[in-house]
Amino acid sequence: MPSVFFSFSHADGALRDQLEKQLSMLRRQGVIETWHDRRVGAGDEFEREIDEHINTDDIILLLVSADFLASDYCYDIEMKRAMERHERKEAIVIPVILRACDWKHAPFGKLKGVPEDGRPVTQWTDIDAALLEVAQAVRGAAGRVVGRAPVPATQIPAAMQQPSPRPPTAAPRSSNLSLAKEFTQRDKDAFKLETFEYIVRFFENSLVELSDRNPGYEGVFRRVDANRFFATIYRNGKDVSRGTVYMGGGAWSNGISYAQGETTASNGMSESINVEADDQSIYLKSMGMSSFGGDRDQKLSQEGAAEVLWNVLVRPLKGNAY
């Protein structure tokens, strides 16, 4: 069965955990087995274990982010060794773009990144959909590995030959070693604040871009205070959409809410984004008010949450020349 190695920065551990969950069906079907450095057991030699897998596993996932590129170990050791094996067709390297970064200029930039078109996972409205594309790419790679004849050792220069693969006496381990994480209310509040500031930048930049791209339209952003901003769109000087985004929402929501018009009240909303958590990560969910429940079950990234609220603002423009 093809073996999959995760090369990742520990700063991206939560996303790696979510990806491994998405690969669980492939493991259950016996399509792949997976390994990463969190599986190094007590008393094992950390670097020896990693070297063993990076030199023998069939599929290597580079979980790419700014932290990955900044890590000397990930970049200079794991990635370079992975690319050597990829060039010799000993392994298949798949760049998985987790977060936006300058990855196209890296040695693996010539490879096709996943999800689709190398769009970072965190920029997808639905993170599960993004990770499903990664899982499908891994399934395809596993199929190619199974149908591929091994490269004879005599074709590999002696200087690049590695010690014998994983010793048969290595202790077997379960692939189900992820333990539940606990997130405090402080963690959730910090994530909500971070998300609100992301939405602030998203709206401010989107209003500028809307104005630049559409003659006759003008987008105006106004920050009211630390917890609230107004967004207005004019067409030929006439206001065609006004909205308020604020943190809170009284008894209905303690997340990030959108209200039609400009208001300093916090007791009405057209849509709301709440912070939730499972046993592996903190994520965002829409109440689904603006989509009649259509978005309610999706786990949203920060960009996905911002897009939900932006769509409420621009909805009155749909059908116009926009």
C-alpha atoms as a PDB file:
ATOM      1  CA  MET A   1       0.000   0.000   0.000  1.00  0.00           C
ATOM      2  CA  PRO A   2       1.404   3.459  -0.873  1.00  0.00           C
ATOM      3  CA  SER A   3       2.682   5.432   2.110  1.00  0.00           C
ATOM      4  CA  VAL A   4       2.053   9.185   2.503  1.00  0.00           C
ATOM      5  CA  PHE A   5       4.448  11.543   4.318  1.00  0.00           C
ATOM      6  CA  PHE A   6       3.325  14.946   5.614  1.00  0.00           C
ATOM      7  CA  SER A   7       5.991  17.649   5.520  1.00  0.00           C
ATOM      8  CA  PHE A   8       4.587  20.592   7.482  1.00  0.00           C
ATOM      9  CA  SER A   9       5.304  23.378   9.927  1.00  0.00           C
ATOM     10  CA  HIS A  10       3.876  22.747  13.378  1.00  0.00           C
ATOM     11  CA  ALA A  11       2.231  26.181  13.104  1.00  0.00           C
ATOM     12  CA  ASP A  12      -0.111  24.482  10.614  1.00  0.00           C
ATOM     13  CA  GLY A  13      -0.851  21.497  12.838  1.00  0.00           C
ATOM     14  CA  ALA A  14      -4.598  22.177  13.015  1.00  0.00           C
ATOM     15  CA  LEU A  15      -4.952  22.221   9.213  1.00  0.00           C
ATOM     16  CA  ARG A  16      -2.814  19.087   8.953  1.00  0.00           C
ATOM     17  CA  ASP A  17      -5.169  17.351  11.404  1.00  0.00           C
ATOM     18  CA  GLN A  18      -8.179  18.378   9.290  1.00  0.00           C
ATOM     19  CA  LEU A  19      -6.494  17.056   6.147  1.00  0.00           C
ATOM     20  CA  GLU A  20      -5.732  13.724   7.790  1.00  0.00           C
ATOM     21  CA  LYS A  21      -9.407  13.385   8.694  1.00  0.00           C
ATOM     22  CA  GLN A  22     -10.286  13.983   5.035  1.00  0.00           C
ATOM     23  CA  LEU A  23      -7.890  11.156   4.082  1.00  0.00           C
ATOM     24  CA  SER A  24      -9.503   8.716   6.517  1.00  0.00           C
ATOM     25  CA  MET A  25     -11.622   6.996   3.842  1.00  0.00           C
ATOM     26  CA  LEU A  26      -8.479   6.240   1.823  1.00  0.00           C
ATOM     27  CA  ARG A  27      -6.908   4.658   4.913  1.00  0.00           C
ATOM     28  CA  ARG A  28     -10.033   2.635   5.693  1.00  0.00           C
ATOM     29  CA  GLN A  29     -10.088   1.309   2.122  1.00  0.00           C
ATOM     30  CA  GLY A  30      -6.419   0.339   2.334  1.00  0.00           C
ATOM     31  CA  VAL A  31      -5.513   2.811  -0.425  1.00  0.00           C
ATOM     32  CA  ILE A  32      -2.821   4.564   1.637  1.00  0.00           C
ATOM     33  CA  GLU A  33      -1.138   4.674   5.006  1.00  0.00           C
ATOM     34  CA  THR A  34       0.039   7.996   6.461  1.00  0.00           C
ATOM     35  CA  TRP A  35       2.925   9.220   8.599  1.00  0.00           C
ATOM     36  CA  HIS A  36       4.102  12.514  10.076  1.00  0.00           C
ATOM     37  CA  ASP A  37       6.519  13.508  12.810  1.00  0.00           C
ATOM     38  CA  ARG A  38       3.819  13.635  15.488  1.00  0.00           C
ATOM     39  CA  ARG A  39       4.003   9.832  15.350  1.00  0.00           C
ATOM     40  CA  VAL A  40       7.589   9.709  16.604  1.00  0.00           C
ATOM     41  CA  GLY A  41       7.325   7.597  19.732  1.00  0.00           C
ATOM     42  CA  ALA A  42       8.926   8.190  23.104  1.00  0.00           C
ATOM     43  CA  GLY A  43      12.554   7.080  22.995  1.00  0.00           C
ATOM     44  CA  ASP A  44      12.737   7.117  19.167  1.00  0.00           C
ATOM     45  CA  GLU A  45      15.321   9.245  17.386  1.00  0.00           C
ATOM     46  CA  PHE A  46      13.376  12.164  15.914  1.00  0.00           C
ATOM     47  CA  GLU A  47      15.571  12.936  12.890  1.00  0.00           C
ATOM     48  CA  ARG A  48      16.263   9.274  12.094  1.00  0.00           C
ATOM     49  CA  GLU A  49      12.537   8.518  11.989  1.00  0.00           C
ATOM     50  CA  ILE A  50      11.860  11.480   9.690  1.00  0.00           C
ATOM     51  CA  ASP A  51      14.791  10.589   7.418  1.00  0.00           C
ATOM     52  CA  GLU A  52      13.541   7.032   7.153  1.00  0.00           C
ATOM     53  CA  HIS A  53      10.131   8.154   5.920  1.00  0.00           C
ATOM     54  CA  ILE A  54      11.223  11.032   3.690  1.00  0.00           C
ATOM     55  CA  ASN A  55      13.585   8.556   1.972  1.00  0.00           C
ATOM     56  CA  THR A  56      11.103   5.716   1.512  1.00  0.00           C
ATOM     57  CA  ASP A  57       7.479   6.938   1.477  1.00  0.00           C
ATOM     58  CA  ASP A  58       5.746   6.925  -1.898  1.00  0.00           C
ATOM     59  CA  ILE A  59       3.772  10.195  -1.743  1.00  0.00           C
ATOM     60  CA  ILE A  60       5.069  13.340  -0.054  1.00  0.00           C
ATOM     61  CA  LEU A  61       2.641  16.134   0.780  1.00  0.00           C
ATOM     62  CA  LEU A  62       4.289  19.531   1.199  1.00  0.00           C
ATOM     63  CA  LEU A  63       1.842  21.508   3.362  1.00  0.00           C
ATOM     64  CA  VAL A  64       2.834  24.950   2.157  1.00  0.00           C
ATOM     65  CA  SER A  65       2.498  28.202   4.088  1.00  0.00           C
ATOM     66  CA  ALA A  66       4.728  31.120   5.002  1.00  0.00           C
ATOM     67  CA  ASP A  67       5.723  29.152   8.119  1.00  0.00           C
ATOM     68  CA  PHE A  68       6.671  26.158   5.962  1.00  0.00           C
ATOM     69  CA  LEU A  69       8.850  28.339   3.718  1.00  0.00           C
ATOM     70  CA  ALA A  70      10.453  29.974   6.760  1.00  0.00           C
ATOM     71  CA  SER A  71      11.305  26.636   8.415  1.00  0.00           C
ATOM     72  CA  ASP A  72      14.901  25.636   7.716  1.00  0.00           C
ATOM     73  CA  TYR A  73      14.097  21.992   8.448  1.00  0.00           C
ATOM     74  CA  CYS A  74      10.988  21.844   6.247  1.00  0.00           C
ATOM     75  CA  TYR A  75      12.556  23.751   3.349  1.00  0.00           C
ATOM     76  CA  ASP A  76      16.239  22.820   3.362  1.00  0.00           C
ATOM     77  CA  ILE A  77      15.965  19.201   4.442  1.00  0.00           C
ATOM     78  CA  GLU A  78      12.509  17.693   3.890  1.00  0.00           C
ATOM     79  CA  MET A  79      11.505  19.628   0.778  1.00  0.00           C
ATOM     80  CA  LYS A  80      14.877  19.333  -0.976  1.00  0.00           C
ATOM     81  CA  ARG A  81      15.074  15.607  -0.313  1.00  0.00           C
ATOM     82  CA  ALA A  82      11.481  15.192  -1.505  1.00  0.00           C
ATOM     83  CA  MET A  83      12.235  17.007  -4.761  1.00  0.00           C
ATOM     84  CA  GLU A  84      15.333  14.849  -5.368  1.00  0.00           C
ATOM     85  CA  ARG A  85      13.211  11.725  -5.081  1.00  0.00           C
ATOM     86  CA  HIS A  86      10.450  13.272  -7.228  1.00  0.00           C
ATOM     87  CA  GLU A  87      12.938  14.073 -10.023  1.00  0.00           C
ATOM     88  CA  ARG A  88      14.148  10.455  -9.991  1.00  0.00           C
ATOM     89  CA  LYS A  89      10.525   9.246 -10.028  1.00  0.00           C
ATOM     90  CA  GLU A  90      10.966   7.461  -6.705  1.00  0.00           C
ATOM     91  CA  ALA A  91       8.151   9.454  -5.094  1.00  0.00           C
ATOM     92  CA  ILE A  92       5.293  11.764  -6.037  1.00  0.00           C
ATOM     93  CA  VAL A  93       5.454  15.217  -4.460  1.00  0.00           C
ATOM     94  CA  ILE A  94       2.193  17.161  -4.115  1.00  0.00           C
ATOM     95  CA  PRO A  95       2.301  20.786  -2.912  1.00  0.00           C
ATOM     96  CA  VAL A  96      -0.784  21.440  -0.754  1.00  0.00           C
ATOM     97  CA  ILE A  97      -1.191  25.207  -0.472  1.00  0.00           C
ATOM     98  CA  LEU A  98      -2.576  25.844   2.993  1.00  0.00           C
ATOM     99  CA  ARG A  99      -2.094  29.602   3.280  1.00  0.00           C
ATOM    100  CA  ALA A 100      -1.190  32.385   0.872  1.00  0.00           C
ATOM    101  CA  CYS A 101       2.576  32.698   0.365  1.00  0.00           C
ATOM    102  CA  ASP A 102       5.206  33.146  -2.377  1.00  0.00           C
ATOM    103  CA  TRP A 103       5.434  29.434  -3.201  1.00  0.00           C
ATOM    104  CA  LYS A 104       5.620  29.707  -7.000  1.00  0.00           C
ATOM    105  CA  HIS A 105       9.309  30.678  -6.792  1.00  0.00           C
ATOM    106  CA  ALA A 106      10.258  27.635  -4.694  1.00  0.00           C
ATOM    107  CA  PRO A 107      11.756  24.513  -6.357  1.00  0.00           C
ATOM    108  CA  PHE A 108       8.342  22.827  -6.160  1.00  0.00           C
ATOM    109  CA  GLY A 109       6.663  25.843  -7.800  1.00  0.00           C
ATOM    110  CA  LYS A 110       6.797  24.046 -11.157  1.00  0.00           C
ATOM    111  CA  LEU A 111       4.498  21.318  -9.798  1.00  0.00           C
ATOM    112  CA  LYS A 112       0.728  21.513  -9.867  1.00  0.00           C
ATOM    113  CA  GLY A 113      -0.468  22.667  -6.460  1.00  0.00           C
ATOM    114  CA  VAL A 114      -3.720  21.632  -4.835  1.00  0.00           C
ATOM    115  CA  PRO A 115      -6.487  22.579  -4.172  1.00  0.00           C
ATOM    116  CA  GLU A 116      -7.553  23.669  -7.659  1.00  0.00           C
ATOM    117  CA  ASP A 117      -5.199  26.212  -9.261  1.00  0.00           C
ATOM    118  CA  GLY A 118      -3.124  26.354  -6.073  1.00  0.00           C
ATOM    119  CA  ARG A 119      -5.723  28.479  -4.311  1.00  0.00           C
ATOM    120  CA  PRO A 120      -4.871  28.394  -0.590  1.00  0.00           C
ATOM    121  CA  VAL A 121      -7.098  26.210   1.578  1.00  0.00           C
ATOM    122  CA  THR A 122      -7.824  29.097   3.962  1.00  0.00           C
ATOM    123  CA  GLN A 123      -9.197  31.199   1.095  1.00  0.00           C
ATOM    124  CA  TRP A 124     -11.965  28.721   0.285  1.00  0.00           C
ATOM    125  CA  THR A 125     -15.460  29.424   1.528  1.00  0.00           C
ATOM    126  CA  ASP A 126     -15.764  25.773   2.556  1.00  0.00           C
ATOM    127  CA  ILE A 127     -12.492  24.347   3.923  1.00  0.00           C
ATOM    128  CA  ASP A 128     -13.847  20.782   3.752  1.00  0.00           C
ATOM    129  CA  ALA A 129     -14.392  21.191  -0.013  1.00  0.00           C
ATOM    130  CA  ALA A 130     -10.790  22.372  -0.417  1.00  0.00           C
ATOM    131  CA  LEU A 131      -9.393  19.439   1.556  1.00  0.00           C
ATOM    132  CA  LEU A 132     -11.599  17.019  -0.399  1.00  0.00           C
ATOM    133  CA  GLU A 133      -9.780  18.141  -3.563  1.00  0.00           C
ATOM    134  CA  VAL A 134      -6.499  17.343  -1.829  1.00  0.00           C
ATOM    135  CA  ALA A 135      -7.807  13.886  -0.869  1.00  0.00           C
ATOM    136  CA  GLN A 136      -8.842  13.247  -4.474  1.00  0.00           C
ATOM    137  CA  ALA A 137      -5.350  14.226  -5.666  1.00  0.00           C
ATOM    138  CA  VAL A 138      -3.823  11.807  -3.146  1.00  0.00           C
ATOM    139  CA  ARG A 139      -6.150   9.028  -4.337  1.00  0.00           C
ATOM    140  CA  GLY A 140      -5.033   9.642  -7.916  1.00  0.00           C
ATOM    141  CA  ALA A 141      -1.359   9.639  -6.921  1.00  0.00           C
ATOM    142  CA  ALA A 142      -1.815   6.378  -5.001  1.00  0.00           C
ATOM    143  CA  GLY A 143      -3.264   4.809  -8.132  1.00  0.00           C
ATOM    144  CA  ARG A 144      -0.209   5.892 -10.122  1.00  0.00           C
ATOM    145  CA  VAL A 145       2.133   4.480  -7.481  1.00  0.00           C
ATOM    146  CA  VAL A 146       0.427   1.076  -7.521  1.00  0.00           C
ATOM    147  CA  GLY A 147       0.664   0.886 -11.307  1.00  0.00           C
ATOM    148  CA  ARG A 148       4.276   2.042 -11.467  1.00  0.00           C
ATOM    149  CA  ALA A 149       7.227  -0.326 -11.659  1.00  0.00           C
ATOM    150  CA  PRO A 150       9.933   0.382  -9.069  1.00  0.00           C
ATOM    151  CA  VAL A 151      13.145   2.020 -10.252  1.00  0.00           C
ATOM    152  CA  PRO A 152      15.974  -0.578 -10.147  1.00  0.00           C
ATOM    153  CA  ALA A 153      18.702   0.376  -7.672  1.00  0.00           C
ATOM    154  CA  THR A 154      21.296  -0.043 -10.437  1.00  0.00           C
ATOM    155  CA  GLN A 155      19.809   3.009 -12.202  1.00  0.00           C
ATOM    156  CA  ILE A 156      20.372   5.237  -9.165  1.00  0.00           C
ATOM    157  CA  PRO A 157      23.856   6.743  -8.768  1.00  0.00           C
ATOM    158  CA  ALA A 158      25.649   5.134  -5.832  1.00  0.00           C
ATOM    159  CA  ALA A 159      26.119   8.494  -4.132  1.00  0.00           C
ATOM    160  CA  MET A 160      22.355   8.985  -4.011  1.00  0.00           C
ATOM    161  CA  GLN A 161      21.371   5.497  -2.913  1.00  0.00           C
ATOM    162  CA  GLN A 162      19.862   5.348   0.553  1.00  0.00           C
ATOM    163  CA  PRO A 163      20.137   2.736   3.278  1.00  0.00           C
ATOM    164  CA  SER A 164      17.680  -0.114   3.123  1.00  0.00           C
ATOM    165  CA  PRO A 165      14.074   0.946   3.546  1.00  0.00           C
ATOM    166  CA  ARG A 166      12.133   0.847   6.758  1.00  0.00           C
ATOM    167  CA  PRO A 167      13.378  -2.116   8.789  1.00  0.00           C
ATOM    168  CA  PRO A 168      10.894  -4.979   8.997  1.00  0.00           C
ATOM    169  CA  THR A 169      11.335  -4.992  12.781  1.00  0.00           C
ATOM    170  CA  ALA A 170       9.926  -1.448  13.105  1.00  0.00           C
ATOM    171  CA  ALA A 171       7.041  -1.480  15.553  1.00  0.00           C
ATOM    172  CA  PRO A 172       3.624  -1.143  13.855  1.00  0.00           C
ATOM    173  CA  ARG A 173       1.542   1.859  14.847  1.00  0.00           C
ATOM    174  CA  SER A 174      -2.044   2.931  14.444  1.00  0.00           C
ATOM    175  CA  SER A 175      -2.785   5.834  12.103  1.00  0.00           C
ATOM    176  CA  ASN A 176      -5.514   6.935  14.519  1.00  0.00           C
ATOM    177  CA  LEU A 177      -3.416   8.927  16.999  1.00  0.00           C
ATOM    178  CA  SER A 178      -5.009  12.363  16.858  1.00  0.00           C
ATOM    179  CA  LEU A 179      -6.270  13.336  20.286  1.00  0.00           C
ATOM    180  CA  ALA A 180      -9.083  15.746  21.011  1.00  0.00           C
ATOM    181  CA  LYS A 181      -8.081  19.352  21.574  1.00  0.00           C
ATOM    182  CA  GLU A 182      -9.835  21.696  23.962  1.00  0.00           C
ATOM    183  CA  PHE A 183     -10.455  25.329  23.045  1.00  0.00           C
ATOM    184  CA  THR A 184     -11.211  27.843  25.775  1.00  0.00           C
ATOM    185  CA  GLN A 185     -13.567  30.781  25.514  1.00  0.00           C
ATOM    186  CA  ARG A 186     -10.432  32.945  25.435  1.00  0.00           C
ATOM    187  CA  ASP A 187      -9.277  31.081  22.310  1.00  0.00           C
ATOM    188  CA  LYS A 188     -12.660  31.609  20.654  1.00  0.00           C
ATOM    189  CA  ASP A 189     -12.798  35.303  21.572  1.00  0.00           C
ATOM    190  CA  ALA A 190      -9.304  35.882  20.174  1.00  0.00           C
ATOM    191  CA  PHE A 191     -10.280  34.116  16.934  1.00  0.00           C
ATOM    192  CA  LYS A 192     -13.447  36.223  16.677  1.00  0.00           C
ATOM    193  CA  LEU A 193     -11.443  39.439  17.025  1.00  0.00           C
ATOM    194  CA  GLU A 194      -8.901  38.257  14.458  1.00  0.00           C
ATOM    195  CA  THR A 195     -11.741  37.359  12.087  1.00  0.00           C
ATOM    196  CA  PHE A 196     -13.430  40.734  12.539  1.00  0.00           C
ATOM    197  CA  GLU A 197     -10.203  42.544  11.658  1.00  0.00           C
ATOM    198  CA  TYR A 198      -9.867  40.307   8.585  1.00  0.00           C
ATOM    199  CA  ILE A 199     -13.424  41.213   7.530  1.00  0.00           C
ATOM    200  CA  VAL A 200     -12.617  44.904   8.032  1.00  0.00           C
ATOM    201  CA  ARG A 201      -9.701  44.653   5.571  1.00  0.00           C
ATOM    202  CA  PHE A 202     -11.743  42.478   3.195  1.00  0.00           C
ATOM    203  CA  PHE A 203     -14.580  45.012   2.955  1.00  0.00           C
ATOM    204  CA  GLU A 204     -12.299  48.041   2.734  1.00  0.00           C
ATOM    205  CA  ASN A 205     -10.269  46.525  -0.107  1.00  0.00           C
ATOM    206  CA  SER A 206     -13.330  45.123  -1.896  1.00  0.00           C
ATOM    207  CA  LEU A 207     -15.077  48.515  -1.882  1.00  0.00           C
ATOM    208  CA  VAL A 208     -12.011  50.130  -3.464  1.00  0.00           C
ATOM    209  CA  GLU A 209     -11.773  47.391  -6.103  1.00  0.00           C
ATOM    210  CA  LEU A 210     -15.499  47.603  -6.865  1.00  0.00           C
ATOM    211  CA  SER A 211     -15.105  51.335  -7.532  1.00  0.00           C
ATOM    212  CA  ASP A 212     -12.073  50.778  -9.775  1.00  0.00           C
ATOM    213  CA  ARG A 213     -13.710  48.074 -11.862  1.00  0.00           C
ATOM    214  CA  ASN A 214     -17.194  49.529 -12.304  1.00  0.00           C
ATOM    215  CA  PRO A 215     -17.628  53.049 -13.774  1.00  0.00           C
ATOM    216  CA  GLY A 216     -20.399  54.956 -12.022  1.00  0.00           C
ATOM    217  CA  TYR A 217     -20.076  52.957  -8.806  1.00  0.00           C
ATOM    218  CA  GLU A 218     -18.387  54.180  -5.649  1.00  0.00           C
ATOM    219  CA  GLY A 219     -17.759  52.137  -2.507  1.00  0.00           C
ATOM    220  CA  VAL A 220     -17.270  53.966   0.776  1.00  0.00           C
ATOM    221  CA  PHE A 221     -15.897  52.391   3.953  1.00  0.00           C
ATOM    222  CA  ARG A 222     -16.133  54.030   7.383  1.00  0.00           C
ATOM    223  CA  ARG A 223     -14.797  52.544  10.608  1.00  0.00           C
ATOM    224  CA  VAL A 224     -17.069  53.616  13.469  1.00  0.00           C
ATOM    225  CA  ASP A 225     -15.180  52.104  16.401  1.00  0.00           C
ATOM    226  CA  ALA A 226     -13.204  49.010  17.352  1.00  0.00           C
ATOM    227  CA  ASN A 227     -16.277  46.782  16.965  1.00  0.00           C
ATOM    228  CA  ARG A 228     -18.220  48.290  14.037  1.00  0.00           C
ATOM    229  CA  PHE A 229     -17.939  49.688  10.496  1.00  0.00           C
ATOM    230  CA  PHE A 230     -20.266  51.013   7.785  1.00  0.00           C
ATOM    231  CA  ALA A 231     -20.104  50.049   4.088  1.00  0.00           C
ATOM    232  CA  THR A 232     -21.993  52.028   1.441  1.00  0.00           C
ATOM    233  CA  ILE A 233     -22.221  51.598  -2.333  1.00  0.00           C
ATOM    234  CA  TYR A 234     -23.331  54.475  -4.573  1.00  0.00           C
ATOM    235  CA  ARG A 235     -24.366  54.279  -8.222  1.00  0.00           C
ATOM    236  CA  ASN A 236     -24.117  57.615 -10.028  1.00  0.00           C
ATOM    237  CA  GLY A 237     -24.224  59.356  -6.654  1.00  0.00           C
ATOM    238  CA  LYS A 238     -27.316  57.512  -5.358  1.00  0.00           C
ATOM    239  CA  ASP A 239     -26.890  55.062  -2.493  1.00  0.00           C
ATOM    240  CA  VAL A 240     -27.945  51.601  -3.626  1.00  0.00           C
ATOM    241  CA  SER A 241     -26.751  49.545  -0.655  1.00  0.00           C
ATOM    242  CA  ARG A 242     -25.801  50.321   2.940  1.00  0.00           C
ATOM    243  CA  GLY A 243     -24.685  47.871   5.599  1.00  0.00           C
ATOM    244  CA  THR A 244     -23.239  47.710   9.091  1.00  0.00           C
ATOM    245  CA  VAL A 245     -20.909  44.968  10.295  1.00  0.00           C
ATOM    246  CA  TYR A 246     -20.364  44.698  14.029  1.00  0.00           C
ATOM    247  CA  MET A 247     -19.266  42.287  16.734  1.00  0.00           C
ATOM    248  CA  GLY A 248     -22.047  41.003  18.935  1.00  0.00           C
ATOM    249  CA  GLY A 249     -25.778  40.784  18.426  1.00  0.00           C
ATOM    250  CA  GLY A 250     -27.412  40.605  21.805  1.00  0.00           C
ATOM    251  CA  ALA A 251     -29.411  37.511  22.642  1.00  0.00           C
ATOM    252  CA  TRP A 252     -29.417  36.262  19.042  1.00  0.00           C
ATOM    253  CA  SER A 253     -25.686  36.103  18.371  1.00  0.00           C
ATOM    254  CA  ASN A 254     -22.364  36.747  20.050  1.00  0.00           C
ATOM    255  CA  GLY A 255     -20.452  36.540  16.788  1.00  0.00           C
ATOM    256  CA  ILE A 256     -20.030  38.968  13.898  1.00  0.00           C
ATOM    257  CA  SER A 257     -23.279  40.361  12.519  1.00  0.00           C
ATOM    258  CA  TYR A 258     -24.485  42.241   9.435  1.00  0.00           C
ATOM    259  CA  ALA A 259     -27.387  44.718   9.587  1.00  0.00           C
ATOM    260  CA  GLN A 260     -28.975  46.576   6.681  1.00  0.00           C
ATOM    261  CA  GLY A 261     -28.375  50.328   6.692  1.00  0.00           C
ATOM    262  CA  GLU A 262     -26.151  52.292   9.034  1.00  0.00           C
ATOM    263  CA  THR A 263     -26.924  51.618  12.680  1.00  0.00           C
ATOM    264  CA  THR A 264     -25.213  51.844  16.038  1.00  0.00           C
ATOM    265  CA  ALA A 265     -27.706  49.417  17.579  1.00  0.00           C
ATOM    266  CA  SER A 266     -26.820  45.767  18.139  1.00  0.00           C
ATOM    267  CA  ASN A 267     -30.273  44.200  18.302  1.00  0.00           C
ATOM    268  CA  GLY A 268     -30.996  43.529  14.641  1.00  0.00           C
ATOM    269  CA  MET A 269     -29.248  41.637  11.860  1.00  0.00           C
ATOM    270  CA  SER A 270     -29.652  40.176   8.383  1.00  0.00           C
ATOM    271  CA  GLU A 271     -26.851  37.646   8.827  1.00  0.00           C
ATOM    272  CA  SER A 272     -24.447  36.537  11.527  1.00  0.00           C
ATOM    273  CA  ILE A 273     -21.197  34.578  11.681  1.00  0.00           C
ATOM    274  CA  ASN A 274     -20.487  32.570  14.824  1.00  0.00           C
ATOM    275  CA  VAL A 275     -17.274  31.031  16.146  1.00  0.00           C
ATOM    276  CA  GLU A 276     -17.466  27.294  16.826  1.00  0.00           C
ATOM    277  CA  ALA A 277     -15.010  24.501  17.561  1.00  0.00           C
ATOM    278  CA  ASP A 278     -14.785  20.746  17.261  1.00  0.00           C
ATOM    279  CA  ASP A 279     -12.161  18.472  18.776  1.00  0.00           C
ATOM    280  CA  GLN A 280      -9.494  19.608  16.302  1.00  0.00           C
ATOM    281  CA  SER A 281      -9.977  23.235  15.256  1.00  0.00           C
ATOM    282  CA  ILE A 282     -11.801  26.522  15.647  1.00  0.00           C
ATOM    283  CA  TYR A 283     -13.887  27.540  12.645  1.00  0.00           C
ATOM    284  CA  LEU A 284     -16.720  29.842  11.573  1.00  0.00           C
ATOM    285  CA  LYS A 285     -20.364  29.140  10.737  1.00  0.00           C
ATOM    286  CA  SER A 286     -23.058  31.286   9.191  1.00  0.00           C
ATOM    287  CA  MET A 287     -26.514  31.365  10.756  1.00  0.00           C
ATOM    288  CA  GLY A 288     -27.771  31.029   7.163  1.00  0.00           C
ATOM    289  CA  MET A 289     -30.261  33.891   7.418  1.00  0.00           C
ATOM    290  CA  SER A 290     -29.238  35.437   4.092  1.00  0.00           C
ATOM    291  CA  SER A 291     -29.213  32.100   2.245  1.00  0.00           C
ATOM    292  CA  PHE A 292     -32.350  30.629   3.839  1.00  0.00           C
ATOM    293  CA  GLY A 293     -30.198  28.102   5.675  1.00  0.00           C
ATOM    294  CA  GLY A 294     -28.079  27.162   2.654  1.00  0.00           C
ATOM    295  CA  ASP A 295     -24.751  28.082   4.273  1.00  0.00           C
ATOM    296  CA  ARG A 296     -25.592  26.935   7.782  1.00  0.00           C
ATOM    297  CA  ASP A 297     -23.739  23.607   7.764  1.00  0.00           C
ATOM    298  CA  GLN A 298     -20.508  24.792   6.147  1.00  0.00           C
ATOM    299  CA  LYS A 299     -17.297  25.244   8.113  1.00  0.00           C
ATOM    300  CA  LEU A 300     -16.081  28.605   6.890  1.00  0.00           C
ATOM    301  CA  SER A 301     -12.621  30.094   6.659  1.00  0.00           C
ATOM    302  CA  GLN A 302     -12.158  33.782   7.465  1.00  0.00           C
ATOM    303  CA  GLU A 303     -12.399  34.589   3.765  1.00  0.00           C
ATOM    304  CA  GLY A 304     -15.489  32.428   3.423  1.00  0.00           C
ATOM    305  CA  ALA A 305     -17.156  34.240   6.322  1.00  0.00           C
ATOM    306  CA  ALA A 306     -16.245  37.650   4.851  1.00  0.00           C
ATOM    307  CA  GLU A 307     -17.676  36.562   1.480  1.00  0.00           C
ATOM    308  CA  VAL A 308     -20.989  35.591   3.092  1.00  0.00           C
ATOM    309  CA  LEU A 309     -21.383  39.097   4.571  1.00  0.00           C
ATOM    310  CA  TRP A 310     -20.132  40.835   1.403  1.00  0.00           C
ATOM    311  CA  ASN A 311     -22.729  38.976  -0.650  1.00  0.00           C
ATOM    312  CA  VAL A 312     -25.462  40.505   1.519  1.00  0.00           C
ATOM    313  CA  LEU A 313     -24.122  43.997   0.790  1.00  0.00           C
ATOM    314  CA  VAL A 314     -23.907  43.541  -2.999  1.00  0.00           C
ATOM    315  CA  ARG A 315     -27.154  41.593  -3.394  1.00  0.00           C
ATOM    316  CA  PRO A 316     -29.154  44.765  -4.258  1.00  0.00           C
ATOM    317  CA  LEU A 317     -26.728  45.366  -7.140  1.00  0.00           C
ATOM    318  CA  LYS A 318     -27.308  42.009  -8.795  1.00  0.00           C
ATOM    319  CA  GLY A 319     -29.241  42.468 -12.017  1.00  0.00           C
ATOM    320  CA  ASN A 320     -27.573  45.823 -12.540  1.00  0.00           C
ATOM    321  CA  ALA A 321     -24.461  46.320 -14.649  1.00  0.00           C
ATOM    322  CA  TYR A 322     -22.088  44.998 -12.032  1.00  0.00           C
END
